[in-house]
Amino acid sequence: MPTAAKRLTRARALESMVRDIAREVILPRYLNSARNRKADGSIFTEADMESQRRLAAALPELMPGEVLGEEMSAEQQAQLWSSSRTGLWCIDPIDGTTNFANGIPFFAVSVAYLVDREPRFGVVYNPVTDESFYAAKGAGAFLNGAELPLRKGAESLQDAVAGIDFKRISNHLGDELAVRPPYFSQRNFGSSALEWCFLAAGRLDVYLHGGQMLWDYAAGHLILTEAGGESMALDGGSLMAGPAVKRGVIAAANPALFSQWRNWVSGHS
């Protein structure tokens, strides 16, 4: 069993690899990529496809394992999930594709390495800001080498800055949050992976999203956990339920704040 120190060494090697690929593949296409639409209505660009191709080729050289990516078919994703328990890469080649395609500098590459369906180390990297969030299980979480969180966040829910995606939660809960918000202020940035990392860094205090896929949070969930945060699926189930399951998520930067936030949400859902 690898030690936490070995996992952290691998996380740093992964960080270097992700930086290089993002700079070579994604940045040259930023502000210069047309949107294309998938069958499910979501969008992708040439940069998404090339980023996934480059990562899929490079990652097994770092650690053995198949590569499960967002831009694969659902059938491919399910097959990989069911057959690869000893080592599996889970990647989102560009999380926040709409931001990327529209020139909004808030998007990231997200990569996590899973063993027994749990993340062991991962990286979330925004190539425009050159901010690299990474973590290894049992070894902490970092932003460009600085340990997370960067600042002490809110202690009470009424002082919290919340990351909320309104369009994916129930109308009733959305109305309650809009009319009687229990927090100080609310933000939504359009990249789930980076929002998890902002929570880990102390830039957000609480978080609520009504529908995320495995690659949206595999790395960010680990980074938040290693930074001392707490999270769960909104329905109480396992976050690591596989690529076919879209999960609502609830999280906070520390356990005490998480308890306040979870109690409020459960009482207003």
C-alpha atoms as a PDB file:
ATOM      1  CA  MET A   1       0.000   0.000   0.000  1.00  0.00           C
ATOM      2  CA  PRO A   2       1.547   3.343  -1.029  1.00  0.00           C
ATOM      3  CA  THR A   3       2.250   5.750   1.801  1.00  0.00           C
ATOM      4  CA  ALA A   4       0.743   9.234   1.926  1.00  0.00           C
ATOM      5  CA  ALA A   5       4.166  10.652   1.018  1.00  0.00           C
ATOM      6  CA  LYS A   6       4.347   8.488  -2.101  1.00  0.00           C
ATOM      7  CA  ARG A   7       0.836   9.524  -3.084  1.00  0.00           C
ATOM      8  CA  LEU A   8       1.826  13.172  -2.696  1.00  0.00           C
ATOM      9  CA  THR A   9       4.880  12.631  -4.893  1.00  0.00           C
ATOM     10  CA  ARG A  10       2.613  11.164  -7.545  1.00  0.00           C
ATOM     11  CA  ALA A  11       0.193  14.070  -7.191  1.00  0.00           C
ATOM     12  CA  ARG A  12       3.028  16.502  -7.848  1.00  0.00           C
ATOM     13  CA  ALA A  13       4.150  14.515 -10.882  1.00  0.00           C
ATOM     14  CA  LEU A  14       0.569  14.543 -12.126  1.00  0.00           C
ATOM     15  CA  GLU A  15       0.394  18.293 -11.574  1.00  0.00           C
ATOM     16  CA  SER A  16       3.438  18.821 -13.787  1.00  0.00           C
ATOM     17  CA  MET A  17       1.984  16.616 -16.518  1.00  0.00           C
ATOM     18  CA  VAL A  18      -1.417  18.338 -16.455  1.00  0.00           C
ATOM     19  CA  ARG A  19       0.206  21.788 -16.583  1.00  0.00           C
ATOM     20  CA  ASP A  20       2.247  20.834 -19.649  1.00  0.00           C
ATOM     21  CA  ILE A  21      -0.677  19.331 -21.549  1.00  0.00           C
ATOM     22  CA  ALA A  22      -3.020  22.223 -20.711  1.00  0.00           C
ATOM     23  CA  ARG A  23      -0.469  24.780 -21.871  1.00  0.00           C
ATOM     24  CA  GLU A  24       0.226  22.899 -25.091  1.00  0.00           C
ATOM     25  CA  VAL A  25      -3.330  21.864 -25.987  1.00  0.00           C
ATOM     26  CA  ILE A  26      -5.847  24.162 -24.289  1.00  0.00           C
ATOM     27  CA  LEU A  27      -4.308  27.625 -24.058  1.00  0.00           C
ATOM     28  CA  PRO A  28      -3.542  27.928 -27.808  1.00  0.00           C
ATOM     29  CA  ARG A  29      -7.215  27.154 -28.524  1.00  0.00           C
ATOM     30  CA  TYR A  30      -8.617  29.555 -25.900  1.00  0.00           C
ATOM     31  CA  LEU A  31     -10.684  32.308 -27.587  1.00  0.00           C
ATOM     32  CA  ASN A  32     -10.383  30.312 -30.810  1.00  0.00           C
ATOM     33  CA  SER A  33     -12.629  27.239 -30.432  1.00  0.00           C
ATOM     34  CA  ALA A  34     -16.093  26.711 -31.871  1.00  0.00           C
ATOM     35  CA  ARG A  35     -18.798  25.071 -29.790  1.00  0.00           C
ATOM     36  CA  ASN A  36     -20.204  21.727 -30.889  1.00  0.00           C
ATOM     37  CA  ARG A  37     -23.263  20.047 -29.435  1.00  0.00           C
ATOM     38  CA  LYS A  38     -23.539  16.455 -28.213  1.00  0.00           C
ATOM     39  CA  ALA A  39     -26.637  14.298 -28.502  1.00  0.00           C
ATOM     40  CA  ASP A  40     -27.584  15.112 -24.899  1.00  0.00           C
ATOM     41  CA  GLY A  41     -27.458  18.854 -25.604  1.00  0.00           C
ATOM     42  CA  SER A  42     -24.211  19.566 -23.752  1.00  0.00           C
ATOM     43  CA  ILE A  43     -21.352  21.167 -25.639  1.00  0.00           C
ATOM     44  CA  PHE A  44     -17.753  20.331 -26.450  1.00  0.00           C
ATOM     45  CA  THR A  45     -14.912  21.865 -28.429  1.00  0.00           C
ATOM     46  CA  GLU A  46     -11.889  20.607 -30.327  1.00  0.00           C
ATOM     47  CA  ALA A  47      -9.834  21.462 -27.235  1.00  0.00           C
ATOM     48  CA  ASP A  48     -11.912  19.080 -25.063  1.00  0.00           C
ATOM     49  CA  MET A  49     -11.281  16.205 -27.446  1.00  0.00           C
ATOM     50  CA  GLU A  50      -7.561  16.878 -27.887  1.00  0.00           C
ATOM     51  CA  SER A  51      -7.027  17.388 -24.161  1.00  0.00           C
ATOM     52  CA  GLN A  52      -8.707  14.053 -23.428  1.00  0.00           C
ATOM     53  CA  ARG A  53      -6.673  12.313 -26.135  1.00  0.00           C
ATOM     54  CA  ARG A  54      -3.369  13.641 -24.786  1.00  0.00           C
ATOM     55  CA  LEU A  55      -4.236  12.833 -21.181  1.00  0.00           C
ATOM     56  CA  ALA A  56      -5.412   9.321 -22.053  1.00  0.00           C
ATOM     57  CA  ALA A  57      -2.094   8.651 -23.768  1.00  0.00           C
ATOM     58  CA  ALA A  58       0.102  10.115 -21.003  1.00  0.00           C
ATOM     59  CA  LEU A  59      -1.566   9.153 -17.717  1.00  0.00           C
ATOM     60  CA  PRO A  60      -0.939   5.356 -17.795  1.00  0.00           C
ATOM     61  CA  GLU A  61       2.782   6.139 -18.002  1.00  0.00           C
ATOM     62  CA  LEU A  62       2.505   7.768 -14.567  1.00  0.00           C
ATOM     63  CA  MET A  63       0.363   5.049 -12.956  1.00  0.00           C
ATOM     64  CA  PRO A  64      -1.163   1.923 -14.537  1.00  0.00           C
ATOM     65  CA  GLY A  65      -4.877   2.125 -15.195  1.00  0.00           C
ATOM     66  CA  GLU A  66      -7.531   2.712 -17.799  1.00  0.00           C
ATOM     67  CA  VAL A  67      -8.708   6.266 -18.441  1.00  0.00           C
ATOM     68  CA  LEU A  68     -12.375   7.174 -17.983  1.00  0.00           C
ATOM     69  CA  GLY A  69     -13.125  10.539 -19.589  1.00  0.00           C
ATOM     70  CA  GLU A  70     -16.157  12.773 -19.920  1.00  0.00           C
ATOM     71  CA  GLU A  71     -15.950  12.747 -23.705  1.00  0.00           C
ATOM     72  CA  MET A  72     -16.453   8.955 -23.922  1.00  0.00           C
ATOM     73  CA  SER A  73     -19.720   7.189 -24.608  1.00  0.00           C
ATOM     74  CA  ALA A  74     -21.816   6.115 -21.612  1.00  0.00           C
ATOM     75  CA  GLU A  75     -21.227   2.485 -22.595  1.00  0.00           C
ATOM     76  CA  GLN A  76     -17.438   2.932 -22.517  1.00  0.00           C
ATOM     77  CA  GLN A  77     -17.609   4.719 -19.171  1.00  0.00           C
ATOM     78  CA  ALA A  78     -19.757   1.981 -17.594  1.00  0.00           C
ATOM     79  CA  GLN A  79     -17.463  -0.769 -18.837  1.00  0.00           C
ATOM     80  CA  LEU A  80     -14.364   0.915 -17.455  1.00  0.00           C
ATOM     81  CA  TRP A  81     -16.020   1.606 -14.098  1.00  0.00           C
ATOM     82  CA  SER A  82     -17.103  -2.003 -13.653  1.00  0.00           C
ATOM     83  CA  SER A  83     -13.780  -3.571 -14.678  1.00  0.00           C
ATOM     84  CA  SER A  84     -11.098  -1.261 -13.232  1.00  0.00           C
ATOM     85  CA  ARG A  85     -11.071  -1.413  -9.435  1.00  0.00           C
ATOM     86  CA  THR A  86      -7.294  -1.678  -8.982  1.00  0.00           C
ATOM     87  CA  GLY A  87      -6.508   1.591 -10.736  1.00  0.00           C
ATOM     88  CA  LEU A  88      -8.610   4.004 -12.799  1.00  0.00           C
ATOM     89  CA  TRP A  89      -7.975   7.521 -14.076  1.00  0.00           C
ATOM     90  CA  CYS A  90     -11.040   9.783 -14.086  1.00  0.00           C
ATOM     91  CA  ILE A  91     -10.698  12.958 -16.146  1.00  0.00           C
ATOM     92  CA  ASP A  92     -12.622  15.992 -17.254  1.00  0.00           C
ATOM     93  CA  PRO A  93     -10.487  17.409 -20.078  1.00  0.00           C
ATOM     94  CA  ILE A  94     -12.107  20.844 -19.714  1.00  0.00           C
ATOM     95  CA  ASP A  95     -14.545  21.436 -16.882  1.00  0.00           C
ATOM     96  CA  GLY A  96     -16.425  24.634 -17.698  1.00  0.00           C
ATOM     97  CA  THR A  97     -16.507  24.229 -21.482  1.00  0.00           C
ATOM     98  CA  THR A  98     -19.108  26.982 -21.906  1.00  0.00           C
ATOM     99  CA  ASN A  99     -16.821  29.391 -20.066  1.00  0.00           C
ATOM    100  CA  PHE A 100     -13.869  28.254 -22.182  1.00  0.00           C
ATOM    101  CA  ALA A 101     -15.751  28.633 -25.470  1.00  0.00           C
ATOM    102  CA  ASN A 102     -17.091  32.060 -24.508  1.00  0.00           C
ATOM    103  CA  GLY A 103     -13.762  33.452 -23.348  1.00  0.00           C
ATOM    104  CA  ILE A 104     -14.567  33.425 -19.633  1.00  0.00           C
ATOM    105  CA  PRO A 105     -11.315  32.532 -17.824  1.00  0.00           C
ATOM    106  CA  PHE A 106     -12.876  30.132 -15.331  1.00  0.00           C
ATOM    107  CA  PHE A 107     -12.375  26.533 -16.455  1.00  0.00           C
ATOM    108  CA  ALA A 108     -10.032  23.715 -15.552  1.00  0.00           C
ATOM    109  CA  VAL A 109      -8.589  20.321 -16.310  1.00  0.00           C
ATOM    110  CA  SER A 110      -9.592  17.843 -13.609  1.00  0.00           C
ATOM    111  CA  VAL A 111      -7.792  14.503 -13.111  1.00  0.00           C
ATOM    112  CA  ALA A 112      -8.094  11.955 -10.300  1.00  0.00           C
ATOM    113  CA  TYR A 113      -6.576   8.515  -9.779  1.00  0.00           C
ATOM    114  CA  LEU A 114      -8.968   6.044  -8.146  1.00  0.00           C
ATOM    115  CA  VAL A 115      -8.292   2.730  -6.420  1.00  0.00           C
ATOM    116  CA  ASP A 116     -11.261   0.644  -5.276  1.00  0.00           C
ATOM    117  CA  ARG A 117     -13.437   3.498  -6.605  1.00  0.00           C
ATOM    118  CA  GLU A 118     -12.001   6.072  -4.204  1.00  0.00           C
ATOM    119  CA  PRO A 119      -9.681   8.958  -5.226  1.00  0.00           C
ATOM    120  CA  ARG A 120      -6.103   8.591  -4.018  1.00  0.00           C
ATOM    121  CA  PHE A 121      -4.633  11.741  -5.584  1.00  0.00           C
ATOM    122  CA  GLY A 122      -5.844  14.397  -7.982  1.00  0.00           C
ATOM    123  CA  VAL A 123      -5.266  17.747  -9.672  1.00  0.00           C
ATOM    124  CA  VAL A 124      -7.511  20.605 -10.811  1.00  0.00           C
ATOM    125  CA  TYR A 125      -5.677  23.135 -12.978  1.00  0.00           C
ATOM    126  CA  ASN A 126      -6.818  26.441 -14.497  1.00  0.00           C
ATOM    127  CA  PRO A 127      -4.314  27.248 -17.274  1.00  0.00           C
ATOM    128  CA  VAL A 128      -5.409  30.887 -17.629  1.00  0.00           C
ATOM    129  CA  THR A 129      -4.739  31.815 -14.000  1.00  0.00           C
ATOM    130  CA  ASP A 130      -1.998  29.156 -13.605  1.00  0.00           C
ATOM    131  CA  GLU A 131      -3.646  27.973 -10.386  1.00  0.00           C
ATOM    132  CA  SER A 132      -3.030  24.304  -9.679  1.00  0.00           C
ATOM    133  CA  PHE A 133      -4.966  22.664  -6.850  1.00  0.00           C
ATOM    134  CA  TYR A 134      -3.834  19.168  -5.893  1.00  0.00           C
ATOM    135  CA  ALA A 135      -4.142  16.651  -3.075  1.00  0.00           C
ATOM    136  CA  ALA A 136      -3.173  13.160  -2.022  1.00  0.00           C
ATOM    137  CA  LYS A 137      -5.106  11.035   0.427  1.00  0.00           C
ATOM    138  CA  GLY A 138      -3.655  11.465   3.900  1.00  0.00           C
ATOM    139  CA  ALA A 139      -1.108  14.071   2.759  1.00  0.00           C
ATOM    140  CA  GLY A 140      -3.102  17.319   2.555  1.00  0.00           C
ATOM    141  CA  ALA A 141      -4.237  19.675  -0.200  1.00  0.00           C
ATOM    142  CA  PHE A 142      -2.334  22.483  -1.878  1.00  0.00           C
ATOM    143  CA  LEU A 143      -2.565  25.410  -4.291  1.00  0.00           C
ATOM    144  CA  ASN A 144       0.683  25.990  -6.184  1.00  0.00           C
ATOM    145  CA  GLY A 145       2.532  24.503  -3.226  1.00  0.00           C
ATOM    146  CA  ALA A 146       0.723  26.464  -0.485  1.00  0.00           C
ATOM    147  CA  GLU A 147      -1.224  24.305   1.950  1.00  0.00           C
ATOM    148  CA  LEU A 148      -5.016  24.654   1.900  1.00  0.00           C
ATOM    149  CA  PRO A 149      -7.092  26.296   3.181  1.00  0.00           C
ATOM    150  CA  LEU A 150      -5.523  29.673   2.451  1.00  0.00           C
ATOM    151  CA  ARG A 151      -7.740  31.513   4.918  1.00  0.00           C
ATOM    152  CA  LYS A 152     -10.044  30.799   7.806  1.00  0.00           C
ATOM    153  CA  GLY A 153     -13.583  30.876   6.514  1.00  0.00           C
ATOM    154  CA  ALA A 154     -16.930  31.655   8.105  1.00  0.00           C
ATOM    155  CA  GLU A 155     -17.866  29.956  11.352  1.00  0.00           C
ATOM    156  CA  SER A 156     -21.607  30.569  11.091  1.00  0.00           C
ATOM    157  CA  LEU A 157     -23.939  30.016   8.175  1.00  0.00           C
ATOM    158  CA  GLN A 158     -25.204  33.608   8.284  1.00  0.00           C
ATOM    159  CA  ASP A 159     -21.652  34.836   7.546  1.00  0.00           C
ATOM    160  CA  ALA A 160     -20.969  32.306   4.775  1.00  0.00           C
ATOM    161  CA  VAL A 161     -20.381  32.919   1.076  1.00  0.00           C
ATOM    162  CA  ALA A 162     -22.193  30.142  -0.776  1.00  0.00           C
ATOM    163  CA  GLY A 163     -21.599  28.527  -4.118  1.00  0.00           C
ATOM    164  CA  ILE A 164     -25.085  27.651  -5.450  1.00  0.00           C
ATOM    165  CA  ASP A 165     -26.165  26.295  -8.824  1.00  0.00           C
ATOM    166  CA  PHE A 166     -29.852  27.285  -8.839  1.00  0.00           C
ATOM    167  CA  LYS A 167     -30.828  25.732 -12.151  1.00  0.00           C
ATOM    168  CA  ARG A 168     -30.267  22.166 -10.969  1.00  0.00           C
ATOM    169  CA  ILE A 169     -32.047  22.200  -7.603  1.00  0.00           C
ATOM    170  CA  SER A 170     -35.758  21.859  -6.900  1.00  0.00           C
ATOM    171  CA  ASN A 171     -38.015  24.869  -7.426  1.00  0.00           C
ATOM    172  CA  HIS A 172     -39.044  24.829  -3.768  1.00  0.00           C
ATOM    173  CA  LEU A 173     -35.496  24.797  -2.434  1.00  0.00           C
ATOM    174  CA  GLY A 174     -34.468  27.413  -4.998  1.00  0.00           C
ATOM    175  CA  ASP A 175     -37.323  29.669  -3.909  1.00  0.00           C
ATOM    176  CA  GLU A 176     -36.379  29.277  -0.240  1.00  0.00           C
ATOM    177  CA  LEU A 177     -32.751  30.159  -0.992  1.00  0.00           C
ATOM    178  CA  ALA A 178     -33.706  33.145  -3.134  1.00  0.00           C
ATOM    179  CA  VAL A 179     -36.303  34.604  -0.764  1.00  0.00           C
ATOM    180  CA  ARG A 180     -34.828  33.674   2.631  1.00  0.00           C
ATOM    181  CA  PRO A 181     -31.128  32.929   2.098  1.00  0.00           C
ATOM    182  CA  PRO A 182     -29.444  31.692   5.280  1.00  0.00           C
ATOM    183  CA  TYR A 183     -26.011  32.869   4.136  1.00  0.00           C
ATOM    184  CA  PHE A 184     -24.325  36.235   3.588  1.00  0.00           C
ATOM    185  CA  SER A 185     -23.873  36.079  -0.204  1.00  0.00           C
ATOM    186  CA  GLN A 186     -24.017  33.676  -3.158  1.00  0.00           C
ATOM    187  CA  ARG A 187     -21.860  32.933  -6.218  1.00  0.00           C
ATOM    188  CA  ASN A 188     -21.948  30.568  -9.220  1.00  0.00           C
ATOM    189  CA  PHE A 189     -18.935  30.348 -11.528  1.00  0.00           C
ATOM    190  CA  GLY A 190     -19.712  27.632 -14.087  1.00  0.00           C
ATOM    191  CA  SER A 191     -16.936  25.125 -13.327  1.00  0.00           C
ATOM    192  CA  SER A 192     -17.811  22.513 -10.718  1.00  0.00           C
ATOM    193  CA  ALA A 193     -14.226  21.294 -10.313  1.00  0.00           C
ATOM    194  CA  LEU A 194     -12.946  24.782  -9.531  1.00  0.00           C
ATOM    195  CA  GLU A 195     -15.867  25.507  -7.201  1.00  0.00           C
ATOM    196  CA  TRP A 196     -14.883  22.487  -5.073  1.00  0.00           C
ATOM    197  CA  CYS A 197     -11.346  23.876  -4.962  1.00  0.00           C
ATOM    198  CA  PHE A 198     -12.539  27.372  -4.041  1.00  0.00           C
ATOM    199  CA  LEU A 199     -14.329  25.773  -1.120  1.00  0.00           C
ATOM    200  CA  ALA A 200     -11.112  23.977  -0.141  1.00  0.00           C
ATOM    201  CA  ALA A 201      -9.164  27.251  -0.373  1.00  0.00           C
ATOM    202  CA  GLY A 202     -11.618  29.204   1.782  1.00  0.00           C
ATOM    203  CA  ARG A 203     -12.853  31.379  -1.080  1.00  0.00           C
ATOM    204  CA  LEU A 204     -16.308  29.830  -0.628  1.00  0.00           C
ATOM    205  CA  ASP A 205     -17.736  28.578   2.659  1.00  0.00           C
ATOM    206  CA  VAL A 206     -20.658  26.346   1.651  1.00  0.00           C
ATOM    207  CA  TYR A 207     -21.691  24.684  -1.606  1.00  0.00           C
ATOM    208  CA  LEU A 208     -24.815  23.221  -3.195  1.00  0.00           C
ATOM    209  CA  HIS A 209     -25.202  21.749  -6.671  1.00  0.00           C
ATOM    210  CA  GLY A 210     -28.133  19.708  -7.918  1.00  0.00           C
ATOM    211  CA  GLY A 211     -26.444  17.514 -10.508  1.00  0.00           C
ATOM    212  CA  GLN A 212     -22.788  16.567 -10.974  1.00  0.00           C
ATOM    213  CA  MET A 213     -21.106  13.640 -12.667  1.00  0.00           C
ATOM    214  CA  LEU A 214     -18.172  11.625 -11.341  1.00  0.00           C
ATOM    215  CA  TRP A 215     -15.552  13.583 -13.306  1.00  0.00           C
ATOM    216  CA  ASP A 216     -16.956  16.880 -11.992  1.00  0.00           C
ATOM    217  CA  TYR A 217     -15.942  16.103  -8.411  1.00  0.00           C
ATOM    218  CA  ALA A 218     -13.573  13.103  -8.281  1.00  0.00           C
ATOM    219  CA  ALA A 219     -10.530  15.356  -7.824  1.00  0.00           C
ATOM    220  CA  GLY A 220     -12.270  18.328  -6.173  1.00  0.00           C
ATOM    221  CA  HIS A 221     -13.962  16.173  -3.532  1.00  0.00           C
ATOM    222  CA  LEU A 222     -10.567  14.767  -2.491  1.00  0.00           C
ATOM    223  CA  ILE A 223      -8.988  18.237  -2.438  1.00  0.00           C
ATOM    224  CA  LEU A 224     -11.782  19.550  -0.200  1.00  0.00           C
ATOM    225  CA  THR A 225     -11.585  16.556   2.139  1.00  0.00           C
ATOM    226  CA  GLU A 226      -7.819  16.896   2.521  1.00  0.00           C
ATOM    227  CA  ALA A 227      -8.275  20.629   3.237  1.00  0.00           C
ATOM    228  CA  GLY A 228     -10.569  19.768   6.169  1.00  0.00           C
ATOM    229  CA  GLY A 229     -13.934  20.183   4.456  1.00  0.00           C
ATOM    230  CA  GLU A 230     -16.919  17.869   4.464  1.00  0.00           C
ATOM    231  CA  SER A 231     -19.350  16.803   1.746  1.00  0.00           C
ATOM    232  CA  MET A 232     -21.984  14.255   0.808  1.00  0.00           C
ATOM    233  CA  ALA A 233     -24.494  13.445  -1.890  1.00  0.00           C
ATOM    234  CA  LEU A 234     -27.642  15.495  -1.486  1.00  0.00           C
ATOM    235  CA  ASP A 235     -29.776  12.335  -1.284  1.00  0.00           C
ATOM    236  CA  GLY A 236     -27.485  10.763   1.313  1.00  0.00           C
ATOM    237  CA  GLY A 237     -26.028   8.211  -1.085  1.00  0.00           C
ATOM    238  CA  SER A 238     -22.402   7.639  -2.045  1.00  0.00           C
ATOM    239  CA  LEU A 239     -20.680  10.299  -4.117  1.00  0.00           C
ATOM    240  CA  MET A 240     -18.544   7.641  -5.773  1.00  0.00           C
ATOM    241  CA  ALA A 241     -21.515   5.812  -7.283  1.00  0.00           C
ATOM    242  CA  GLY A 242     -20.162   5.607 -10.810  1.00  0.00           C
ATOM    243  CA  PRO A 243     -20.271   7.514 -14.087  1.00  0.00           C
ATOM    244  CA  ALA A 244     -23.911   6.823 -14.882  1.00  0.00           C
ATOM    245  CA  VAL A 245     -25.252   8.595 -11.790  1.00  0.00           C
ATOM    246  CA  LYS A 246     -25.775  12.355 -11.637  1.00  0.00           C
ATOM    247  CA  ARG A 247     -25.495  13.417  -8.026  1.00  0.00           C
ATOM    248  CA  GLY A 248     -26.681  16.461  -6.149  1.00  0.00           C
ATOM    249  CA  VAL A 249     -23.937  17.511  -3.734  1.00  0.00           C
ATOM    250  CA  ILE A 250     -23.745  19.513  -0.535  1.00  0.00           C
ATOM    251  CA  ALA A 251     -20.484  20.596   1.066  1.00  0.00           C
ATOM    252  CA  ALA A 252     -18.834  23.049   3.431  1.00  0.00           C
ATOM    253  CA  ALA A 253     -15.328  24.180   4.267  1.00  0.00           C
ATOM    254  CA  ASN A 254     -15.389  22.651   7.771  1.00  0.00           C
ATOM    255  CA  PRO A 255     -17.474  20.055   9.634  1.00  0.00           C
ATOM    256  CA  ALA A 256     -19.232  22.501  11.984  1.00  0.00           C
ATOM    257  CA  LEU A 257     -20.384  24.696   9.121  1.00  0.00           C
ATOM    258  CA  PHE A 258     -21.373  21.606   7.146  1.00  0.00           C
ATOM    259  CA  SER A 259     -23.684  20.532   9.958  1.00  0.00           C
ATOM    260  CA  GLN A 260     -25.415  23.931   9.973  1.00  0.00           C
ATOM    261  CA  TRP A 261     -25.728  23.973   6.190  1.00  0.00           C
ATOM    262  CA  ARG A 262     -26.989  20.384   5.890  1.00  0.00           C
ATOM    263  CA  ASN A 263     -29.583  20.951   8.604  1.00  0.00           C
ATOM    264  CA  TRP A 264     -30.862  24.086   6.887  1.00  0.00           C
ATOM    265  CA  VAL A 265     -31.079  22.430   3.472  1.00  0.00           C
ATOM    266  CA  SER A 266     -32.805  19.310   4.815  1.00  0.00           C
ATOM    267  CA  GLY A 267     -35.325  21.504   6.635  1.00  0.00           C
ATOM    268  CA  HIS A 268     -36.176  23.503   3.491  1.00  0.00           C
ATOM    269  CA  SER A 269     -36.137  20.838   0.757  1.00  0.00           C
END
